[in-house]
Amino acid sequence: MGKQKIRRVEKPWGYELIWAETKDYVGKILHINKGHKLSLQYHKIKEETIFVSSGKMLFIFEDEAGHLKEIPLNAGEAHHIPTGKKHRMIAVEDCDIFEVSTPHLDDVVRLEDGYGRS
């Protein structure tokens, strides 16, 4: 208990601030620089929900029928990402995204990446 250490993780698209990490959940702030995008990815175990705190982004997600859809997400909007569903975030403006998830930080299957990561 007590004051929580915040861990900063540099990313090619910006950075993550991990502000909560327990055996049951993780809380992050993703800062995505304008014009950058995260990998098109999915998770085998991890489940997450995102909340756009500031900025605007395009959110690409796999719907129930298995089709990729693209929607704008603005400050004050949230989206749930179930396990196994493909998704990607693209910053239209600098964005700060709050993410809460299960604690599986390394559970990333990248399908497409603009930064040469596998």
PDB file of N, CA and C in Angstrom:
ATOM      1  N   MET A   1       0.830  -1.192   0.000  1.00  0.00           N
ATOM      2  CA  MET A   1       0.000   0.000   0.000  1.00  0.00           C
ATOM      3  C   MET A   1       0.873   1.255   0.000  1.00  0.00           C
ATOM      4  N   GLY A   2       0.271   2.343  -0.396  1.00  0.00           N
ATOM      5  CA  GLY A   2       1.000   3.591  -0.357  1.00  0.00           C
ATOM      6  C   GLY A   2       1.235   4.176  -1.728  1.00  0.00           C
ATOM      7  N   LYS A   3       2.148   5.097  -1.762  1.00  0.00           N
ATOM      8  CA  LYS A   3       2.472   5.806  -2.990  1.00  0.00           C
ATOM      9  C   LYS A   3       2.969   4.819  -4.045  1.00  0.00           C
ATOM     10  N   GLN A   4       2.451   4.960  -5.257  1.00  0.00           N
ATOM     11  CA  GLN A   4       2.755   4.046  -6.360  1.00  0.00           C
ATOM     12  C   GLN A   4       3.846   4.641  -7.243  1.00  0.00           C
ATOM     13  N   LYS A   5       4.860   3.843  -7.561  1.00  0.00           N
ATOM     14  CA  LYS A   5       5.878   4.274  -8.511  1.00  0.00           C
ATOM     15  C   LYS A   5       5.299   4.177  -9.917  1.00  0.00           C
ATOM     16  N   ILE A   6       5.549   5.191 -10.725  1.00  0.00           N
ATOM     17  CA  ILE A   6       5.069   5.209 -12.110  1.00  0.00           C
ATOM     18  C   ILE A   6       6.232   4.856 -13.022  1.00  0.00           C
ATOM     19  N   ARG A   7       6.000   3.873 -13.882  1.00  0.00           N
ATOM     20  CA  ARG A   7       7.046   3.397 -14.784  1.00  0.00           C
ATOM     21  C   ARG A   7       6.771   3.926 -16.192  1.00  0.00           C
ATOM     22  N   ARG A   8       7.773   4.584 -16.784  1.00  0.00           N
ATOM     23  CA  ARG A   8       7.655   5.095 -18.154  1.00  0.00           C
ATOM     24  C   ARG A   8       8.345   4.114 -19.096  1.00  0.00           C
ATOM     25  N   VAL A   9       7.621   3.743 -20.166  1.00  0.00           N
ATOM     26  CA  VAL A   9       8.152   2.828 -21.172  1.00  0.00           C
ATOM     27  C   VAL A   9       8.110   3.557 -22.511  1.00  0.00           C
ATOM     28  N   GLU A  10       9.286   3.824 -23.070  1.00  0.00           N
ATOM     29  CA  GLU A  10       9.363   4.513 -24.363  1.00  0.00           C
ATOM     30  C   GLU A  10       8.897   3.579 -25.476  1.00  0.00           C
ATOM     31  N   LYS A  11       8.143   4.121 -26.423  1.00  0.00           N
ATOM     32  CA  LYS A  11       7.628   3.383 -27.574  1.00  0.00           C
ATOM     33  C   LYS A  11       7.930   4.182 -28.835  1.00  0.00           C
ATOM     34  N   PRO A  12       7.997   3.546 -30.006  1.00  0.00           N
ATOM     35  CA  PRO A  12       8.271   4.317 -31.231  1.00  0.00           C
ATOM     36  C   PRO A  12       7.161   5.309 -31.578  1.00  0.00           C
ATOM     37  N   TRP A  13       5.977   5.113 -31.047  1.00  0.00           N
ATOM     38  CA  TRP A  13       4.833   5.983 -31.311  1.00  0.00           C
ATOM     39  C   TRP A  13       4.584   7.005 -30.202  1.00  0.00           C
ATOM     40  N   GLY A  14       5.366   6.936 -29.118  1.00  0.00           N
ATOM     41  CA  GLY A  14       5.168   7.823 -27.970  1.00  0.00           C
ATOM     42  C   GLY A  14       5.715   7.151 -26.724  1.00  0.00           C
ATOM     43  N   TYR A  15       4.855   6.967 -25.720  1.00  0.00           N
ATOM     44  CA  TYR A  15       5.289   6.286 -24.500  1.00  0.00           C
ATOM     45  C   TYR A  15       4.078   5.783 -23.710  1.00  0.00           C
ATOM     46  N   GLU A  16       4.358   4.896 -22.757  1.00  0.00           N
ATOM     47  CA  GLU A  16       3.365   4.413 -21.807  1.00  0.00           C
ATOM     48  C   GLU A  16       3.796   4.820 -20.402  1.00  0.00           C
ATOM     49  N   LEU A  17       2.835   5.200 -19.590  1.00  0.00           N
ATOM     50  CA  LEU A  17       3.055   5.391 -18.162  1.00  0.00           C
ATOM     51  C   LEU A  17       2.250   4.316 -17.445  1.00  0.00           C
ATOM     52  N   ILE A  18       2.945   3.365 -16.846  1.00  0.00           N
ATOM     53  CA  ILE A  18       2.262   2.301 -16.108  1.00  0.00           C
ATOM     54  C   ILE A  18       2.128   2.786 -14.670  1.00  0.00           C
ATOM     55  N   TRP A  19       0.908   3.109 -14.281  1.00  0.00           N
ATOM     56  CA  TRP A  19       0.662   3.716 -12.976  1.00  0.00           C
ATOM     57  C   TRP A  19       0.038   2.748 -11.972  1.00  0.00           C
ATOM     58  N   ALA A  20      -0.377   1.572 -12.439  1.00  0.00           N
ATOM     59  CA  ALA A  20      -0.902   0.539 -11.539  1.00  0.00           C
ATOM     60  C   ALA A  20      -0.540  -0.815 -12.130  1.00  0.00           C
ATOM     61  N   GLU A  21       0.010  -1.698 -11.305  1.00  0.00           N
ATOM     62  CA  GLU A  21       0.365  -3.032 -11.787  1.00  0.00           C
ATOM     63  C   GLU A  21       0.274  -4.002 -10.606  1.00  0.00           C
ATOM     64  N   THR A  22      -0.735  -4.873 -10.674  1.00  0.00           N
ATOM     65  CA  THR A  22      -0.935  -5.884  -9.646  1.00  0.00           C
ATOM     66  C   THR A  22      -1.094  -7.244 -10.314  1.00  0.00           C
ATOM     67  N   LYS A  23      -1.301  -8.269  -9.550  1.00  0.00           N
ATOM     68  CA  LYS A  23      -1.520  -9.603 -10.115  1.00  0.00           C
ATOM     69  C   LYS A  23      -2.872  -9.698 -10.818  1.00  0.00           C
ATOM     70  N   ASP A  24      -3.773  -8.739 -10.556  1.00  0.00           N
ATOM     71  CA  ASP A  24      -5.126  -8.784 -11.107  1.00  0.00           C
ATOM     72  C   ASP A  24      -5.409  -7.788 -12.226  1.00  0.00           C
ATOM     73  N   TYR A  25      -4.684  -6.670 -12.263  1.00  0.00           N
ATOM     74  CA  TYR A  25      -4.976  -5.641 -13.266  1.00  0.00           C
ATOM     75  C   TYR A  25      -3.762  -4.740 -13.485  1.00  0.00           C
ATOM     76  N   VAL A  26      -3.826  -3.981 -14.611  1.00  0.00           N
ATOM     77  CA  VAL A  26      -2.812  -2.980 -14.942  1.00  0.00           C
ATOM     78  C   VAL A  26      -3.537  -1.715 -15.391  1.00  0.00           C
ATOM     79  N   GLY A  27      -3.007  -0.559 -14.974  1.00  0.00           N
ATOM     80  CA  GLY A  27      -3.498   0.729 -15.444  1.00  0.00           C
ATOM     81  C   GLY A  27      -2.367   1.463 -16.143  1.00  0.00           C
ATOM     82  N   LYS A  28      -2.632   1.961 -17.343  1.00  0.00           N
ATOM     83  CA  LYS A  28      -1.620   2.669 -18.133  1.00  0.00           C
ATOM     84  C   LYS A  28      -2.200   3.953 -18.688  1.00  0.00           C
ATOM     85  N   ILE A  29      -1.311   4.881 -19.009  1.00  0.00           N
ATOM     86  CA  ILE A  29      -1.638   6.005 -19.876  1.00  0.00           C
ATOM     87  C   ILE A  29      -0.755   5.837 -21.104  1.00  0.00           C
ATOM     88  N   LEU A  30      -1.378   5.765 -22.266  1.00  0.00           N
ATOM     89  CA  LEU A  30      -0.647   5.694 -23.534  1.00  0.00           C
ATOM     90  C   LEU A  30      -0.622   7.105 -24.111  1.00  0.00           C
ATOM     91  N   HIS A  31       0.555   7.625 -24.384  1.00  0.00           N
ATOM     92  CA  HIS A  31       0.661   8.904 -25.096  1.00  0.00           C
ATOM     93  C   HIS A  31       1.073   8.560 -26.521  1.00  0.00           C
ATOM     94  N   ILE A  32       0.200   8.863 -27.477  1.00  0.00           N
ATOM     95  CA  ILE A  32       0.453   8.560 -28.888  1.00  0.00           C
ATOM     96  C   ILE A  32       0.637   9.879 -29.619  1.00  0.00           C
ATOM     97  N   ASN A  33       1.784  10.047 -30.235  1.00  0.00           N
ATOM     98  CA  ASN A  33       2.080  11.278 -30.971  1.00  0.00           C
ATOM     99  C   ASN A  33       1.257  11.359 -32.251  1.00  0.00           C
ATOM    100  N   LYS A  34       0.834  12.557 -32.585  1.00  0.00           N
ATOM    101  CA  LYS A  34       0.036  12.814 -33.788  1.00  0.00           C
ATOM    102  C   LYS A  34       0.664  12.142 -35.007  1.00  0.00           C
ATOM    103  N   GLY A  35      -0.167  11.451 -35.777  1.00  0.00           N
ATOM    104  CA  GLY A  35       0.284  10.805 -37.004  1.00  0.00           C
ATOM    105  C   GLY A  35       0.865   9.409 -36.800  1.00  0.00           C
ATOM    106  N   HIS A  36       1.037   8.990 -35.560  1.00  0.00           N
ATOM    107  CA  HIS A  36       1.592   7.665 -35.286  1.00  0.00           C
ATOM    108  C   HIS A  36       0.481   6.664 -35.023  1.00  0.00           C
ATOM    109  N   LYS A  37       0.821   5.381 -35.160  1.00  0.00           N
ATOM    110  CA  LYS A  37      -0.171   4.337 -34.938  1.00  0.00           C
ATOM    111  C   LYS A  37       0.468   3.145 -34.239  1.00  0.00           C
ATOM    112  N   LEU A  38      -0.345   2.473 -33.454  1.00  0.00           N
ATOM    113  CA  LEU A  38       0.081   1.242 -32.812  1.00  0.00           C
ATOM    114  C   LEU A  38      -0.060   0.107 -33.806  1.00  0.00           C
ATOM    115  N   SER A  39       0.501  -1.031 -33.474  1.00  0.00           N
ATOM    116  CA  SER A  39       0.384  -2.219 -34.312  1.00  0.00           C
ATOM    117  C   SER A  39      -1.073  -2.625 -34.470  1.00  0.00           C
ATOM    118  N   LEU A  40      -1.384  -3.239 -35.615  1.00  0.00           N
ATOM    119  CA  LEU A  40      -2.629  -3.995 -35.716  1.00  0.00           C
ATOM    120  C   LEU A  40      -2.330  -5.273 -34.953  1.00  0.00           C
ATOM    121  N   GLN A  41      -3.085  -5.535 -33.895  1.00  0.00           N
ATOM    122  CA  GLN A  41      -2.731  -6.598 -32.966  1.00  0.00           C
ATOM    123  C   GLN A  41      -3.968  -7.233 -32.350  1.00  0.00           C
ATOM    124  N   TYR A  42      -3.730  -8.321 -31.634  1.00  0.00           N
ATOM    125  CA  TYR A  42      -4.757  -8.910 -30.773  1.00  0.00           C
ATOM    126  C   TYR A  42      -4.041  -9.566 -29.609  1.00  0.00           C
ATOM    127  N   HIS A  43      -4.819  -9.987 -28.617  1.00  0.00           N
ATOM    128  CA  HIS A  43      -4.273 -10.611 -27.423  1.00  0.00           C
ATOM    129  C   HIS A  43      -4.915 -11.974 -27.219  1.00  0.00           C
ATOM    130  N   LYS A  44      -4.122 -12.955 -26.834  1.00  0.00           N
ATOM    131  CA  LYS A  44      -4.631 -14.309 -26.574  1.00  0.00           C
ATOM    132  C   LYS A  44      -5.319 -14.404 -25.213  1.00  0.00           C
ATOM    133  N   ILE A  45      -4.864 -13.596 -24.245  1.00  0.00           N
ATOM    134  CA  ILE A  45      -5.403 -13.656 -22.882  1.00  0.00           C
ATOM    135  C   ILE A  45      -5.902 -12.285 -22.416  1.00  0.00           C
ATOM    136  N   LYS A  46      -5.149 -11.269 -22.719  1.00  0.00           N
ATOM    137  CA  LYS A  46      -5.415  -9.919 -22.210  1.00  0.00           C
ATOM    138  C   LYS A  46      -6.759  -9.380 -22.682  1.00  0.00           C
ATOM    139  N   GLU A  47      -7.455  -8.724 -21.765  1.00  0.00           N
ATOM    140  CA  GLU A  47      -8.689  -8.002 -22.062  1.00  0.00           C
ATOM    141  C   GLU A  47      -8.488  -6.579 -21.574  1.00  0.00           C
ATOM    142  N   GLU A  48      -8.991  -5.598 -22.325  1.00  0.00           N
ATOM    143  CA  GLU A  48      -8.734  -4.213 -21.963  1.00  0.00           C
ATOM    144  C   GLU A  48      -9.895  -3.293 -22.324  1.00  0.00           C
ATOM    145  N   THR A  49      -9.903  -2.143 -21.674  1.00  0.00           N
ATOM    146  CA  THR A  49     -10.827  -1.066 -22.006  1.00  0.00           C
ATOM    147  C   THR A  49     -10.004   0.210 -22.056  1.00  0.00           C
ATOM    148  N   ILE A  50     -10.275   1.026 -23.075  1.00  0.00           N
ATOM    149  CA  ILE A  50      -9.547   2.282 -23.239  1.00  0.00           C
ATOM    150  C   ILE A  50     -10.498   3.461 -23.078  1.00  0.00           C
ATOM    151  N   PHE A  51      -9.938   4.580 -22.614  1.00  0.00           N
ATOM    152  CA  PHE A  51     -10.666   5.833 -22.454  1.00  0.00           C
ATOM    153  C   PHE A  51      -9.780   6.951 -22.998  1.00  0.00           C
ATOM    154  N   VAL A  52     -10.289   7.700 -23.952  1.00  0.00           N
ATOM    155  CA  VAL A  52      -9.530   8.810 -24.533  1.00  0.00           C
ATOM    156  C   VAL A  52      -9.646  10.001 -23.584  1.00  0.00           C
ATOM    157  N   SER A  53      -8.536  10.340 -22.951  1.00  0.00           N
ATOM    158  CA  SER A  53      -8.508  11.461 -22.009  1.00  0.00           C
ATOM    159  C   SER A  53      -8.341  12.789 -22.742  1.00  0.00           C
ATOM    160  N   SER A  54      -7.484  12.797 -23.776  1.00  0.00           N
ATOM    161  CA  SER A  54      -7.300  14.008 -24.579  1.00  0.00           C
ATOM    162  C   SER A  54      -6.917  13.613 -25.994  1.00  0.00           C
ATOM    163  N   GLY A  55      -7.255  14.486 -26.933  1.00  0.00           N
ATOM    164  CA  GLY A  55      -6.915  14.258 -28.332  1.00  0.00           C
ATOM    165  C   GLY A  55      -8.003  13.538 -29.095  1.00  0.00           C
ATOM    166  N   LYS A  56      -7.649  13.165 -30.324  1.00  0.00           N
ATOM    167  CA  LYS A  56      -8.562  12.442 -31.224  1.00  0.00           C
ATOM    168  C   LYS A  56      -7.787  11.309 -31.865  1.00  0.00           C
ATOM    169  N   MET A  57      -8.453  10.186 -32.067  1.00  0.00           N
ATOM    170  CA  MET A  57      -7.819   9.076 -32.760  1.00  0.00           C
ATOM    171  C   MET A  57      -8.830   8.339 -33.611  1.00  0.00           C
ATOM    172  N   LEU A  58      -8.290   7.580 -34.554  1.00  0.00           N
ATOM    173  CA  LEU A  58      -9.089   6.606 -35.276  1.00  0.00           C
ATOM    174  C   LEU A  58      -8.845   5.280 -34.595  1.00  0.00           C
ATOM    175  N   PHE A  59      -9.924   4.570 -34.293  1.00  0.00           N
ATOM    176  CA  PHE A  59      -9.815   3.274 -33.642  1.00  0.00           C
ATOM    177  C   PHE A  59     -10.296   2.217 -34.616  1.00  0.00           C
ATOM    178  N   ILE A  60      -9.425   1.282 -34.913  1.00  0.00           N
ATOM    179  CA  ILE A  60      -9.766   0.174 -35.801  1.00  0.00           C
ATOM    180  C   ILE A  60      -9.973  -1.041 -34.908  1.00  0.00           C
ATOM    181  N   PHE A  61     -11.112  -1.702 -35.060  1.00  0.00           N
ATOM    182  CA  PHE A  61     -11.413  -2.851 -34.218  1.00  0.00           C
ATOM    183  C   PHE A  61     -12.197  -3.894 -35.001  1.00  0.00           C
ATOM    184  N   GLU A  62     -12.056  -5.114 -34.564  1.00  0.00           N
ATOM    185  CA  GLU A  62     -12.752  -6.242 -35.181  1.00  0.00           C
ATOM    186  C   GLU A  62     -14.122  -6.380 -34.529  1.00  0.00           C
ATOM    187  N   ASP A  63     -15.170  -6.314 -35.350  1.00  0.00           N
ATOM    188  CA  ASP A  63     -16.527  -6.422 -34.802  1.00  0.00           C
ATOM    189  C   ASP A  63     -16.911  -7.892 -34.588  1.00  0.00           C
ATOM    190  N   GLU A  64     -18.119  -8.096 -34.141  1.00  0.00           N
ATOM    191  CA  GLU A  64     -18.588  -9.454 -33.822  1.00  0.00           C
ATOM    192  C   GLU A  64     -18.605 -10.369 -35.041  1.00  0.00           C
ATOM    193  N   ALA A  65     -18.743  -9.804 -36.239  1.00  0.00           N
ATOM    194  CA  ALA A  65     -18.768 -10.597 -37.473  1.00  0.00           C
ATOM    195  C   ALA A  65     -17.362 -10.856 -38.024  1.00  0.00           C
ATOM    196  N   GLY A  66     -16.325 -10.331 -37.348  1.00  0.00           N
ATOM    197  CA  GLY A  66     -14.958 -10.545 -37.795  1.00  0.00           C
ATOM    198  C   GLY A  66     -14.461  -9.531 -38.798  1.00  0.00           C
ATOM    199  N   HIS A  67     -15.223  -8.438 -39.023  1.00  0.00           N
ATOM    200  CA  HIS A  67     -14.824  -7.390 -39.955  1.00  0.00           C
ATOM    201  C   HIS A  67     -14.110  -6.272 -39.205  1.00  0.00           C
ATOM    202  N   LEU A  68     -13.089  -5.681 -39.835  1.00  0.00           N
ATOM    203  CA  LEU A  68     -12.407  -4.535 -39.246  1.00  0.00           C
ATOM    204  C   LEU A  68     -13.198  -3.271 -39.546  1.00  0.00           C
ATOM    205  N   LYS A  69     -13.516  -2.530 -38.493  1.00  0.00           N
ATOM    206  CA  LYS A  69     -14.254  -1.276 -38.591  1.00  0.00           C
ATOM    207  C   LYS A  69     -13.356  -0.150 -38.113  1.00  0.00           C
ATOM    208  N   GLU A  70     -13.576   1.045 -38.640  1.00  0.00           N
ATOM    209  CA  GLU A  70     -12.811   2.221 -38.234  1.00  0.00           C
ATOM    210  C   GLU A  70     -13.780   3.279 -37.731  1.00  0.00           C
ATOM    211  N   ILE A  71     -13.558   3.743 -36.496  1.00  0.00           N
ATOM    212  CA  ILE A  71     -14.404   4.787 -35.936  1.00  0.00           C
ATOM    213  C   ILE A  71     -13.524   5.861 -35.299  1.00  0.00           C
ATOM    214  N   PRO A  72     -13.986   7.108 -35.301  1.00  0.00           N
ATOM    215  CA  PRO A  72     -13.251   8.131 -34.559  1.00  0.00           C
ATOM    216  C   PRO A  72     -13.562   7.997 -33.072  1.00  0.00           C
ATOM    217  N   LEU A  73     -12.553   8.193 -32.240  1.00  0.00           N
ATOM    218  CA  LEU A  73     -12.750   8.294 -30.794  1.00  0.00           C
ATOM    219  C   LEU A  73     -12.167   9.628 -30.350  1.00  0.00           C
ATOM    220  N   ASN A  74     -12.967  10.385 -29.625  1.00  0.00           N
ATOM    221  CA  ASN A  74     -12.582  11.705 -29.145  1.00  0.00           C
ATOM    222  C   ASN A  74     -12.437  11.696 -27.635  1.00  0.00           C
ATOM    223  N   ALA A  75     -11.880  12.756 -27.094  1.00  0.00           N
ATOM    224  CA  ALA A  75     -11.749  12.891 -25.647  1.00  0.00           C
ATOM    225  C   ALA A  75     -13.105  12.653 -24.990  1.00  0.00           C
ATOM    226  N   GLY A  76     -13.096  11.845 -23.935  1.00  0.00           N
ATOM    227  CA  GLY A  76     -14.319  11.527 -23.208  1.00  0.00           C
ATOM    228  C   GLY A  76     -15.011  10.262 -23.668  1.00  0.00           C
ATOM    229  N   GLU A  77     -14.470   9.589 -24.685  1.00  0.00           N
ATOM    230  CA  GLU A  77     -15.092   8.358 -25.190  1.00  0.00           C
ATOM    231  C   GLU A  77     -14.238   7.141 -24.827  1.00  0.00           C
ATOM    232  N   ALA A  78     -14.915   5.999 -24.701  1.00  0.00           N
ATOM    233  CA  ALA A  78     -14.252   4.762 -24.288  1.00  0.00           C
ATOM    234  C   ALA A  78     -14.659   3.618 -25.210  1.00  0.00           C
ATOM    235  N   HIS A  79     -13.847   2.552 -25.196  1.00  0.00           N
ATOM    236  CA  HIS A  79     -14.140   1.365 -26.003  1.00  0.00           C
ATOM    237  C   HIS A  79     -13.567   0.140 -25.304  1.00  0.00           C
ATOM    238  N   HIS A  80     -14.345  -0.929 -25.255  1.00  0.00           N
ATOM    239  CA  HIS A  80     -13.900  -2.202 -24.686  1.00  0.00           C
ATOM    240  C   HIS A  80     -13.263  -3.045 -25.785  1.00  0.00           C
ATOM    241  N   ILE A  81     -12.183  -3.774 -25.450  1.00  0.00           N
ATOM    242  CA  ILE A  81     -11.493  -4.641 -26.405  1.00  0.00           C
ATOM    243  C   ILE A  81     -11.459  -6.050 -25.819  1.00  0.00           C
ATOM    244  N   PRO A  82     -12.358  -6.920 -26.269  1.00  0.00           N
ATOM    245  CA  PRO A  82     -12.372  -8.290 -25.750  1.00  0.00           C
ATOM    246  C   PRO A  82     -11.133  -9.072 -26.188  1.00  0.00           C
ATOM    247  N   THR A  83     -10.804 -10.083 -25.440  1.00  0.00           N
ATOM    248  CA  THR A  83      -9.713 -10.996 -25.779  1.00  0.00           C
ATOM    249  C   THR A  83      -9.912 -11.531 -27.199  1.00  0.00           C
ATOM    250  N   GLY A  84      -8.826 -11.575 -27.974  1.00  0.00           N
ATOM    251  CA  GLY A  84      -8.858 -12.176 -29.306  1.00  0.00           C
ATOM    252  C   GLY A  84      -9.299 -11.257 -30.425  1.00  0.00           C
ATOM    253  N   LYS A  85      -9.756 -10.048 -30.125  1.00  0.00           N
ATOM    254  CA  LYS A  85     -10.238  -9.137 -31.165  1.00  0.00           C
ATOM    255  C   LYS A  85      -9.110  -8.232 -31.661  1.00  0.00           C
ATOM    256  N   LYS A  86      -8.964  -8.135 -32.979  1.00  0.00           N
ATOM    257  CA  LYS A  86      -7.937  -7.286 -33.595  1.00  0.00           C
ATOM    258  C   LYS A  86      -8.288  -5.821 -33.353  1.00  0.00           C
ATOM    259  N   HIS A  87      -7.233  -5.007 -33.180  1.00  0.00           N
ATOM    260  CA  HIS A  87      -7.455  -3.583 -32.952  1.00  0.00           C
ATOM    261  C   HIS A  87      -6.179  -2.791 -33.231  1.00  0.00           C
ATOM    262  N   ARG A  88      -6.367  -1.485 -33.439  1.00  0.00           N
ATOM    263  CA  ARG A  88      -5.256  -0.562 -33.695  1.00  0.00           C
ATOM    264  C   ARG A  88      -5.720   0.853 -33.354  1.00  0.00           C
ATOM    265  N   MET A  89      -4.803   1.663 -32.833  1.00  0.00           N
ATOM    266  CA  MET A  89      -5.068   3.069 -32.544  1.00  0.00           C
ATOM    267  C   MET A  89      -4.186   3.928 -33.441  1.00  0.00           C
ATOM    268  N   ILE A  90      -4.784   4.963 -34.050  1.00  0.00           N
ATOM    269  CA  ILE A  90      -4.064   5.893 -34.918  1.00  0.00           C
ATOM    270  C   ILE A  90      -4.355   7.309 -34.417  1.00  0.00           C
ATOM    271  N   ALA A  91      -3.314   8.040 -34.022  1.00  0.00           N
ATOM    272  CA  ALA A  91      -3.497   9.382 -33.451  1.00  0.00           C
ATOM    273  C   ALA A  91      -3.702  10.422 -34.544  1.00  0.00           C
ATOM    274  N   VAL A  92      -4.866  11.051 -34.540  1.00  0.00           N
ATOM    275  CA  VAL A  92      -5.167  12.175 -35.427  1.00  0.00           C
ATOM    276  C   VAL A  92      -4.554  13.441 -34.828  1.00  0.00           C
ATOM    277  N   GLU A  93      -4.572  13.530 -33.514  1.00  0.00           N
ATOM    278  CA  GLU A  93      -3.915  14.575 -32.725  1.00  0.00           C
ATOM    279  C   GLU A  93      -3.098  13.841 -31.657  1.00  0.00           C
ATOM    280  N   ASP A  94      -2.202  14.543 -30.972  1.00  0.00           N
ATOM    281  CA  ASP A  94      -1.565  13.928 -29.811  1.00  0.00           C
ATOM    282  C   ASP A  94      -2.676  13.415 -28.898  1.00  0.00           C
ATOM    283  N   CYS A  95      -2.539  12.188 -28.436  1.00  0.00           N
ATOM    284  CA  CYS A  95      -3.582  11.553 -27.629  1.00  0.00           C
ATOM    285  C   CYS A  95      -3.017  11.036 -26.317  1.00  0.00           C
ATOM    286  N   ASP A  96      -3.814  11.129 -25.279  1.00  0.00           N
ATOM    287  CA  ASP A  96      -3.549  10.443 -24.026  1.00  0.00           C
ATOM    288  C   ASP A  96      -4.716   9.499 -23.784  1.00  0.00           C
ATOM    289  N   ILE A  97      -4.390   8.217 -23.684  1.00  0.00           N
ATOM    290  CA  ILE A  97      -5.381   7.155 -23.571  1.00  0.00           C
ATOM    291  C   ILE A  97      -5.178   6.437 -22.246  1.00  0.00           C
ATOM    292  N   PHE A  98      -6.209   6.370 -21.433  1.00  0.00           N
ATOM    293  CA  PHE A  98      -6.168   5.546 -20.230  1.00  0.00           C
ATOM    294  C   PHE A  98      -6.558   4.130 -20.624  1.00  0.00           C
ATOM    295  N   GLU A  99      -5.752   3.159 -20.221  1.00  0.00           N
ATOM    296  CA  GLU A  99      -6.036   1.758 -20.506  1.00  0.00           C
ATOM    297  C   GLU A  99      -6.050   0.988 -19.197  1.00  0.00           C
ATOM    298  N   VAL A 100      -7.105   0.228 -18.986  1.00  0.00           N
ATOM    299  CA  VAL A 100      -7.144  -0.729 -17.878  1.00  0.00           C
ATOM    300  C   VAL A 100      -7.261  -2.112 -18.498  1.00  0.00           C
ATOM    301  N   SER A 101      -6.519  -3.064 -17.930  1.00  0.00           N
ATOM    302  CA  SER A 101      -6.495  -4.389 -18.535  1.00  0.00           C
ATOM    303  C   SER A 101      -6.149  -5.454 -17.501  1.00  0.00           C
ATOM    304  N   THR A 102      -6.272  -6.679 -17.964  1.00  0.00           N
ATOM    305  CA  THR A 102      -5.727  -7.782 -17.199  1.00  0.00           C
ATOM    306  C   THR A 102      -4.204  -7.627 -17.234  1.00  0.00           C
ATOM    307  N   PRO A 103      -3.471  -8.308 -16.344  1.00  0.00           N
ATOM    308  CA  PRO A 103      -2.039  -8.004 -16.180  1.00  0.00           C
ATOM    309  C   PRO A 103      -1.083  -8.669 -17.170  1.00  0.00           C
ATOM    310  N   HIS A 104      -1.547  -9.034 -18.327  1.00  0.00           N
ATOM    311  CA  HIS A 104      -0.734  -9.785 -19.299  1.00  0.00           C
ATOM    312  C   HIS A 104      -0.029  -8.834 -20.260  1.00  0.00           C
ATOM    313  N   LEU A 105       1.003  -8.153 -19.780  1.00  0.00           N
ATOM    314  CA  LEU A 105       1.665  -7.093 -20.548  1.00  0.00           C
ATOM    315  C   LEU A 105       2.381  -7.590 -21.799  1.00  0.00           C
ATOM    316  N   ASP A 106       2.856  -8.817 -21.796  1.00  0.00           N
ATOM    317  CA  ASP A 106       3.601  -9.332 -22.946  1.00  0.00           C
ATOM    318  C   ASP A 106       2.723 -10.087 -23.941  1.00  0.00           C
ATOM    319  N   ASP A 107       1.432 -10.100 -23.722  1.00  0.00           N
ATOM    320  CA  ASP A 107       0.499 -10.833 -24.583  1.00  0.00           C
ATOM    321  C   ASP A 107       0.084  -9.953 -25.765  1.00  0.00           C
ATOM    322  N   VAL A 108       0.978  -9.858 -26.754  1.00  0.00           N
ATOM    323  CA  VAL A 108       0.707  -9.060 -27.955  1.00  0.00           C
ATOM    324  C   VAL A 108       1.049  -9.905 -29.168  1.00  0.00           C
ATOM    325  N   VAL A 109       0.067 -10.088 -30.048  1.00  0.00           N
ATOM    326  CA  VAL A 109       0.305 -10.744 -31.334  1.00  0.00           C
ATOM    327  C   VAL A 109       0.170  -9.650 -32.387  1.00  0.00           C
ATOM    328  N   ARG A 110       1.320  -9.243 -32.949  1.00  0.00           N
ATOM    329  CA  ARG A 110       1.331  -8.174 -33.953  1.00  0.00           C
ATOM    330  C   ARG A 110       1.070  -8.757 -35.330  1.00  0.00           C
ATOM    331  N   LEU A 111       0.079  -8.213 -36.021  1.00  0.00           N
ATOM    332  CA  LEU A 111      -0.245  -8.645 -37.379  1.00  0.00           C
ATOM    333  C   LEU A 111       0.361  -7.717 -38.409  1.00  0.00           C
ATOM    334  N   GLU A 112       0.537  -6.440 -38.027  1.00  0.00           N
ATOM    335  CA  GLU A 112       1.133  -5.436 -38.909  1.00  0.00           C
ATOM    336  C   GLU A 112       1.722  -4.362 -38.016  1.00  0.00           C
ATOM    337  N   ASP A 113       2.936  -3.918 -38.351  1.00  0.00           N
ATOM    338  CA  ASP A 113       3.598  -2.932 -37.512  1.00  0.00           C
ATOM    339  C   ASP A 113       4.421  -1.998 -38.387  1.00  0.00           C
ATOM    340  N   GLY A 114       4.284  -0.704 -38.164  1.00  0.00           N
ATOM    341  CA  GLY A 114       5.012   0.275 -38.959  1.00  0.00           C
ATOM    342  C   GLY A 114       6.396   0.588 -38.445  1.00  0.00           C
ATOM    343  N   TYR A 115       6.837  -0.108 -37.389  1.00  0.00           N
ATOM    344  CA  TYR A 115       8.115   0.194 -36.772  1.00  0.00           C
ATOM    345  C   TYR A 115       9.074  -1.004 -36.783  1.00  0.00           C
ATOM    346  N   GLY A 116       8.777  -2.030 -37.589  1.00  0.00           N
ATOM    347  CA  GLY A 116       9.675  -3.163 -37.743  1.00  0.00           C
ATOM    348  C   GLY A 116       9.689  -4.154 -36.597  1.00  0.00           C
ATOM    349  N   ARG A 117       8.686  -4.058 -35.702  1.00  0.00           N
ATOM    350  CA  ARG A 117       8.622  -5.013 -34.595  1.00  0.00           C
ATOM    351  C   ARG A 117       7.867  -6.252 -35.045  1.00  0.00           C
ATOM    352  N   SER A 118       8.215  -7.394 -34.439  1.00  0.00           N
ATOM    353  CA  SER A 118       7.509  -8.632 -34.815  1.00  0.00           C
ATOM    354  C   SER A 118       6.564  -9.050 -33.715  1.00  0.00           C
TER     355      SER A 118
END
